[in-house]
PDB file of N, CA and C in Angstrom:
ATOM      1  N   MET A   1     -36.617 -29.090   8.562  1.00  0.00           N
ATOM      2  CA  MET A   1     -36.183 -28.456   7.342  1.00  0.00           C
ATOM      3  C   MET A   1     -35.735 -29.550   6.371  1.00  0.00           C
ATOM      4  N   SER A   2     -36.155 -29.447   5.145  1.00  0.00           N
ATOM      5  CA  SER A   2     -35.805 -30.463   4.161  1.00  0.00           C
ATOM      6  C   SER A   2     -34.350 -30.290   3.719  1.00  0.00           C
ATOM      7  N   LYS A   3     -33.840 -31.309   3.049  1.00  0.00           N
ATOM      8  CA  LYS A   3     -32.453 -31.257   2.580  1.00  0.00           C
ATOM      9  C   LYS A   3     -32.257 -30.119   1.588  1.00  0.00           C
ATOM     10  N   LYS A   4     -33.268 -29.913   0.749  1.00  0.00           N
ATOM     11  CA  LYS A   4     -33.167 -28.850  -0.246  1.00  0.00           C
ATOM     12  C   LYS A   4     -33.088 -27.489   0.441  1.00  0.00           C
ATOM     13  N   ASN A   5     -33.928 -27.268   1.441  1.00  0.00           N
ATOM     14  CA  ASN A   5     -33.917 -25.998   2.165  1.00  0.00           C
ATOM     15  C   ASN A   5     -32.604 -25.792   2.915  1.00  0.00           C
ATOM     16  N   LYS A   6     -32.043 -26.887   3.460  1.00  0.00           N
ATOM     17  CA  LYS A   6     -30.755 -26.784   4.147  1.00  0.00           C
ATOM     18  C   LYS A   6     -29.660 -26.369   3.173  1.00  0.00           C
ATOM     19  N   LYS A   7     -29.692 -26.967   1.970  1.00  0.00           N
ATOM     20  CA  LYS A   7     -28.688 -26.618   0.965  1.00  0.00           C
ATOM     21  C   LYS A   7     -28.827 -25.161   0.542  1.00  0.00           C
ATOM     22  N   VAL A   8     -30.051 -24.690   0.378  1.00  0.00           N
ATOM     23  CA  VAL A   8     -30.285 -23.293   0.006  1.00  0.00           C
ATOM     24  C   VAL A   8     -29.786 -22.372   1.112  1.00  0.00           C
ATOM     25  N   ALA A   9     -30.076 -22.730   2.368  1.00  0.00           N
ATOM     26  CA  ALA A   9     -29.634 -21.911   3.501  1.00  0.00           C
ATOM     27  C   ALA A   9     -28.115 -21.892   3.591  1.00  0.00           C
ATOM     28  N   GLN A  10     -27.488 -23.049   3.354  1.00  0.00           N
ATOM     29  CA  GLN A  10     -26.033 -23.112   3.392  1.00  0.00           C
ATOM     30  C   GLN A  10     -25.426 -22.277   2.277  1.00  0.00           C
ATOM     31  N   SER A  11     -25.984 -22.375   1.084  1.00  0.00           N
ATOM     32  CA  SER A  11     -25.427 -21.619  -0.036  1.00  0.00           C
ATOM     33  C   SER A  11     -25.598 -20.125   0.184  1.00  0.00           C
ATOM     34  N   MET A  12     -26.707 -19.722   0.781  1.00  0.00           N
ATOM     35  CA  MET A  12     -26.904 -18.303   1.083  1.00  0.00           C
ATOM     36  C   MET A  12     -25.907 -17.852   2.137  1.00  0.00           C
ATOM     37  N   GLY A  13     -25.663 -18.685   3.135  1.00  0.00           N
ATOM     38  CA  GLY A  13     -24.684 -18.351   4.160  1.00  0.00           C
ATOM     39  C   GLY A  13     -23.286 -18.285   3.590  1.00  0.00           C
ATOM     40  N   ASN A  14     -22.945 -19.226   2.739  1.00  0.00           N
ATOM     41  CA  ASN A  14     -21.626 -19.241   2.121  1.00  0.00           C
ATOM     42  C   ASN A  14     -21.427 -18.046   1.210  1.00  0.00           C
ATOM     43  N   SER A  15     -22.483 -17.655   0.494  1.00  0.00           N
ATOM     44  CA  SER A  15     -22.338 -16.515  -0.407  1.00  0.00           C
ATOM     45  C   SER A  15     -22.166 -15.224   0.375  1.00  0.00           C
ATOM     46  N   SER A  16     -22.841 -15.102   1.525  1.00  0.00           N
ATOM     47  CA  SER A  16     -22.655 -13.886   2.320  1.00  0.00           C
ATOM     48  C   SER A  16     -21.257 -13.846   2.913  1.00  0.00           C
ATOM     49  N   VAL A  17     -20.739 -15.009   3.293  1.00  0.00           N
ATOM     50  CA  VAL A  17     -19.359 -15.073   3.787  1.00  0.00           C
ATOM     51  C   VAL A  17     -18.397 -14.733   2.658  1.00  0.00           C
ATOM     52  N   ALA A  18     -18.662 -15.264   1.476  1.00  0.00           N
ATOM     53  CA  ALA A  18     -17.802 -14.983   0.327  1.00  0.00           C
ATOM     54  C   ALA A  18     -17.825 -13.498  -0.008  1.00  0.00           C
ATOM     55  N   LEU A  19     -18.996 -12.881   0.050  1.00  0.00           N
ATOM     56  CA  LEU A  19     -19.086 -11.445  -0.215  1.00  0.00           C
ATOM     57  C   LEU A  19     -18.345 -10.651   0.848  1.00  0.00           C
ATOM     58  N   SER A  20     -18.429 -11.087   2.085  1.00  0.00           N
ATOM     59  CA  SER A  20     -17.722 -10.419   3.169  1.00  0.00           C
ATOM     60  C   SER A  20     -16.214 -10.501   2.950  1.00  0.00           C
ATOM     61  N   HIS A  21     -15.744 -11.693   2.584  1.00  0.00           N
ATOM     62  CA  HIS A  21     -14.318 -11.859   2.323  1.00  0.00           C
ATOM     63  C   HIS A  21     -13.890 -11.051   1.104  1.00  0.00           C
ATOM     64  N   ALA A  22     -14.723 -11.011   0.089  1.00  0.00           N
ATOM     65  CA  ALA A  22     -14.400 -10.239  -1.109  1.00  0.00           C
ATOM     66  C   ALA A  22     -14.274  -8.759  -0.766  1.00  0.00           C
ATOM     67  N   GLY A  23     -15.147  -8.267   0.090  1.00  0.00           N
ATOM     68  CA  GLY A  23     -15.058  -6.870   0.514  1.00  0.00           C
ATOM     69  C   GLY A  23     -13.787  -6.597   1.293  1.00  0.00           C
ATOM     70  N   GLU A  24     -13.411  -7.531   2.161  1.00  0.00           N
ATOM     71  CA  GLU A  24     -12.174  -7.364   2.921  1.00  0.00           C
ATOM     72  C   GLU A  24     -10.961  -7.389   1.995  1.00  0.00           C
ATOM     73  N   TYR A  25     -10.967  -8.301   1.020  1.00  0.00           N
ATOM     74  CA  TYR A  25      -9.858  -8.366   0.076  1.00  0.00           C
ATOM     75  C   TYR A  25      -9.773  -7.095  -0.759  1.00  0.00           C
ATOM     76  N   GLN A  26     -10.903  -6.503  -1.079  1.00  0.00           N
ATOM     77  CA  GLN A  26     -10.891  -5.265  -1.850  1.00  0.00           C
ATOM     78  C   GLN A  26     -10.252  -4.143  -1.037  1.00  0.00           C
ATOM     79  N   VAL A  27     -10.557  -4.074   0.251  1.00  0.00           N
ATOM     80  CA  VAL A  27      -9.951  -3.059   1.115  1.00  0.00           C
ATOM     81  C   VAL A  27      -8.452  -3.290   1.225  1.00  0.00           C
ATOM     82  N   ILE A  28      -8.056  -4.547   1.406  1.00  0.00           N
ATOM     83  CA  ILE A  28      -6.632  -4.873   1.515  1.00  0.00           C
ATOM     84  C   ILE A  28      -5.911  -4.540   0.219  1.00  0.00           C
ATOM     85  N   ARG A  29      -6.521  -4.865  -0.921  1.00  0.00           N
ATOM     86  CA  ARG A  29      -5.917  -4.573  -2.220  1.00  0.00           C
ATOM     87  C   ARG A  29      -5.740  -3.066  -2.397  1.00  0.00           C
ATOM     88  N   HIS A  30      -6.741  -2.292  -2.002  1.00  0.00           N
ATOM     89  CA  HIS A  30      -6.665  -0.837  -2.104  1.00  0.00           C
ATOM     90  C   HIS A  30      -5.527  -0.304  -1.229  1.00  0.00           C
ATOM     91  N   ASP A  31      -5.408  -0.809  -0.012  1.00  0.00           N
ATOM     92  CA  ASP A  31      -4.329  -0.385   0.878  1.00  0.00           C
ATOM     93  C   ASP A  31      -2.965  -0.783   0.327  1.00  0.00           C
ATOM     94  N   LEU A  32      -2.882  -1.960  -0.262  1.00  0.00           N
ATOM     95  CA  LEU A  32      -1.623  -2.416  -0.838  1.00  0.00           C
ATOM     96  C   LEU A  32      -1.205  -1.529  -2.001  1.00  0.00           C
ATOM     97  N   TYR A  33      -2.151  -1.151  -2.855  1.00  0.00           N
ATOM     98  CA  TYR A  33      -1.839  -0.241  -3.955  1.00  0.00           C
ATOM     99  C   TYR A  33      -1.323   1.090  -3.417  1.00  0.00           C
ATOM    100  N   ARG A  34      -1.952   1.596  -2.367  1.00  0.00           N
ATOM    101  CA  ARG A  34      -1.536   2.860  -1.771  1.00  0.00           C
ATOM    102  C   ARG A  34      -0.106   2.763  -1.237  1.00  0.00           C
ATOM    103  N   VAL A  35       0.212   1.674  -0.565  1.00  0.00           N
ATOM    104  CA  VAL A  35       1.557   1.485  -0.015  1.00  0.00           C
ATOM    105  C   VAL A  35       2.585   1.393  -1.136  1.00  0.00           C
ATOM    106  N   ILE A  36       2.270   0.660  -2.185  1.00  0.00           N
ATOM    107  CA  ILE A  36       3.201   0.523  -3.305  1.00  0.00           C
ATOM    108  C   ILE A  36       3.437   1.870  -3.973  1.00  0.00           C
ATOM    109  N   ILE A  37       2.383   2.636  -4.202  1.00  0.00           N
ATOM    110  CA  ILE A  37       2.524   3.949  -4.840  1.00  0.00           C
ATOM    111  C   ILE A  37       3.362   4.879  -3.973  1.00  0.00           C
ATOM    112  N   LEU A  38       3.109   4.901  -2.669  1.00  0.00           N
ATOM    113  CA  LEU A  38       3.895   5.754  -1.781  1.00  0.00           C
ATOM    114  C   LEU A  38       5.356   5.321  -1.738  1.00  0.00           C
ATOM    115  N   ASN A  39       5.616   4.024  -1.745  1.00  0.00           N
ATOM    116  CA  ASN A  39       6.999   3.548  -1.756  1.00  0.00           C
ATOM    117  C   ASN A  39       7.720   3.956  -3.032  1.00  0.00           C
ATOM    118  N   VAL A  40       7.034   3.903  -4.156  1.00  0.00           N
ATOM    119  CA  VAL A  40       7.641   4.333  -5.420  1.00  0.00           C
ATOM    120  C   VAL A  40       7.944   5.829  -5.371  1.00  0.00           C
ATOM    121  N   ILE A  41       7.034   6.620  -4.822  1.00  0.00           N
ATOM    122  CA  ILE A  41       7.263   8.063  -4.710  1.00  0.00           C
ATOM    123  C   ILE A  41       8.445   8.347  -3.795  1.00  0.00           C
ATOM    124  N   TYR A  42       8.499   7.676  -2.635  1.00  0.00           N
ATOM    125  CA  TYR A  42       9.621   7.873  -1.711  1.00  0.00           C
ATOM    126  C   TYR A  42      10.945   7.472  -2.355  1.00  0.00           C
ATOM    127  N   LEU A  43      10.961   6.351  -3.049  1.00  0.00           N
ATOM    128  CA  LEU A  43      12.181   5.904  -3.709  1.00  0.00           C
ATOM    129  C   LEU A  43      12.623   6.903  -4.772  1.00  0.00           C
ATOM    130  N   ALA A  44      11.682   7.427  -5.542  1.00  0.00           N
ATOM    131  CA  ALA A  44      12.014   8.419  -6.568  1.00  0.00           C
ATOM    132  C   ALA A  44      12.587   9.681  -5.928  1.00  0.00           C
ATOM    133  N   CYS A  45      12.016  10.114  -4.811  1.00  0.00           N
ATOM    134  CA  CYS A  45      12.536  11.301  -4.118  1.00  0.00           C
ATOM    135  C   CYS A  45      13.941  11.062  -3.585  1.00  0.00           C
ATOM    136  N   ILE A  46      14.157   9.915  -2.974  1.00  0.00           N
ATOM    137  CA  ILE A  46      15.484   9.608  -2.427  1.00  0.00           C
ATOM    138  C   ILE A  46      16.520   9.520  -3.537  1.00  0.00           C
ATOM    139  N   LEU A  47      16.184   8.850  -4.634  1.00  0.00           N
ATOM    140  CA  LEU A  47      17.119   8.761  -5.752  1.00  0.00           C
ATOM    141  C   LEU A  47      17.369  10.129  -6.380  1.00  0.00           C
ATOM    142  N   GLY A  48      16.322  10.935  -6.490  1.00  0.00           N
ATOM    143  CA  GLY A  48      16.494  12.288  -7.025  1.00  0.00           C
ATOM    144  C   GLY A  48      17.415  13.127  -6.158  1.00  0.00           C
ATOM    145  N   ILE A  49      17.220  13.076  -4.854  1.00  0.00           N
ATOM    146  CA  ILE A  49      18.086  13.825  -3.940  1.00  0.00           C
ATOM    147  C   ILE A  49      19.517  13.305  -4.019  1.00  0.00           C
ATOM    148  N   TYR A  50      19.683  11.995  -4.088  1.00  0.00           N
ATOM    149  CA  TYR A  50      21.021  11.405  -4.158  1.00  0.00           C
ATOM    150  C   TYR A  50      21.766  11.886  -5.400  1.00  0.00           C
ATOM    151  N   PHE A  51      21.130  11.772  -6.568  1.00  0.00           N
ATOM    152  CA  PHE A  51      21.815  12.145  -7.797  1.00  0.00           C
ATOM    153  C   PHE A  51      21.992  13.658  -7.909  1.00  0.00           C
ATOM    154  N   LEU A  52      21.054  14.431  -7.407  1.00  0.00           N
ATOM    155  CA  LEU A  52      21.213  15.882  -7.404  1.00  0.00           C
ATOM    156  C   LEU A  52      22.362  16.279  -6.490  1.00  0.00           C
ATOM    157  N   ASN A  53      22.463  15.645  -5.336  1.00  0.00           N
ATOM    158  CA  ASN A  53      23.559  15.929  -4.415  1.00  0.00           C
ATOM    159  C   ASN A  53      24.894  15.489  -5.013  1.00  0.00           C
ATOM    160  N   ALA A  54      24.922  14.367  -5.700  1.00  0.00           N
ATOM    161  CA  ALA A  54      26.156  13.899  -6.323  1.00  0.00           C
ATOM    162  C   ALA A  54      26.602  14.854  -7.427  1.00  0.00           C
ATOM    163  N   LYS A  55      25.639  15.515  -8.063  1.00  0.00           N
ATOM    164  CA  LYS A  55      25.968  16.417  -9.165  1.00  0.00           C
ATOM    165  C   LYS A  55      26.522  17.749  -8.669  1.00  0.00           C
ATOM    166  N   ASN A  56      25.866  18.368  -7.665  1.00  0.00           N
ATOM    167  CA  ASN A  56      26.319  19.692  -7.254  1.00  0.00           C
ATOM    168  C   ASN A  56      26.572  19.843  -5.755  1.00  0.00           C
ATOM    169  N   GLY A  57      26.348  18.834  -4.959  1.00  0.00           N
ATOM    170  CA  GLY A  57      26.695  18.868  -3.544  1.00  0.00           C
ATOM    171  C   GLY A  57      25.850  19.789  -2.685  1.00  0.00           C
ATOM    172  N   PHE A  58      24.624  20.086  -3.096  1.00  0.00           N
ATOM    173  CA  PHE A  58      23.803  21.018  -2.317  1.00  0.00           C
ATOM    174  C   PHE A  58      23.486  20.477  -0.932  1.00  0.00           C
ATOM    175  N   LEU A  59      23.290  19.178  -0.804  1.00  0.00           N
ATOM    176  CA  LEU A  59      22.956  18.597   0.495  1.00  0.00           C
ATOM    177  C   LEU A  59      24.158  18.649   1.434  1.00  0.00           C
ATOM    178  N   ASP A  60      25.352  18.435   0.889  1.00  0.00           N
ATOM    179  CA  ASP A  60      26.561  18.549   1.704  1.00  0.00           C
ATOM    180  C   ASP A  60      26.742  19.978   2.194  1.00  0.00           C
ATOM    181  N   ASN A  61      26.510  20.944   1.323  1.00  0.00           N
ATOM    182  CA  ASN A  61      26.632  22.353   1.717  1.00  0.00           C
ATOM    183  C   ASN A  61      25.590  22.723   2.764  1.00  0.00           C
ATOM    184  N   TRP A  62      24.381  22.271   2.576  1.00  0.00           N
ATOM    185  CA  TRP A  62      23.312  22.566   3.528  1.00  0.00           C
ATOM    186  C   TRP A  62      23.610  21.948   4.887  1.00  0.00           C
ATOM    187  N   ALA A  63      24.051  20.687   4.888  1.00  0.00           N
ATOM    188  CA  ALA A  63      24.377  20.018   6.153  1.00  0.00           C
ATOM    189  C   ALA A  63      25.561  20.702   6.820  1.00  0.00           C
ATOM    190  N   GLY A  64      26.512  21.189   6.039  1.00  0.00           N
ATOM    191  CA  GLY A  64      27.658  21.908   6.603  1.00  0.00           C
ATOM    192  C   GLY A  64      27.241  23.199   7.278  1.00  0.00           C
ATOM    193  N   LYS A  65      26.272  23.897   6.694  1.00  0.00           N
ATOM    194  CA  LYS A  65      25.787  25.137   7.309  1.00  0.00           C
ATOM    195  C   LYS A  65      25.011  24.852   8.590  1.00  0.00           C
ATOM    196  N   ILE A  66      24.177  23.830   8.557  1.00  0.00           N
ATOM    197  CA  ILE A  66      23.339  23.512   9.717  1.00  0.00           C
ATOM    198  C   ILE A  66      24.176  22.933  10.852  1.00  0.00           C
ATOM    199  N   LEU A  67      25.065  22.014  10.522  1.00  0.00           N
ATOM    200  CA  LEU A  67      25.841  21.311  11.548  1.00  0.00           C
ATOM    201  C   LEU A  67      27.210  21.943  11.796  1.00  0.00           C
ATOM    202  N   HIS A  68      27.541  23.027  11.084  1.00  0.00           N
ATOM    203  CA  HIS A  68      28.791  23.788  11.242  1.00  0.00           C
ATOM    204  C   HIS A  68      30.019  22.903  11.069  1.00  0.00           C
ATOM    205  N   PHE A  69      30.102  22.233   9.934  1.00  0.00           N
ATOM    206  CA  PHE A  69      31.294  21.434   9.622  1.00  0.00           C
ATOM    207  C   PHE A  69      32.387  22.345   9.156  1.00  0.00           C
TER     208      PHE A  69
END
């Protein structure tokens, strides 16, 4: 195999590896976005429950009924 053909074969191999890595990074990026969005939703729910409970004490009343305080 000539040097030129070796270089072409190497570049084709490198590009397929690069495409493979790019695909993996795209999957990881998609999963990371999903995790971040879910964490923001969970944080918003927890903060909402906290401030709602601080305002009218519904969670304290509910826990008192369930746990018989």
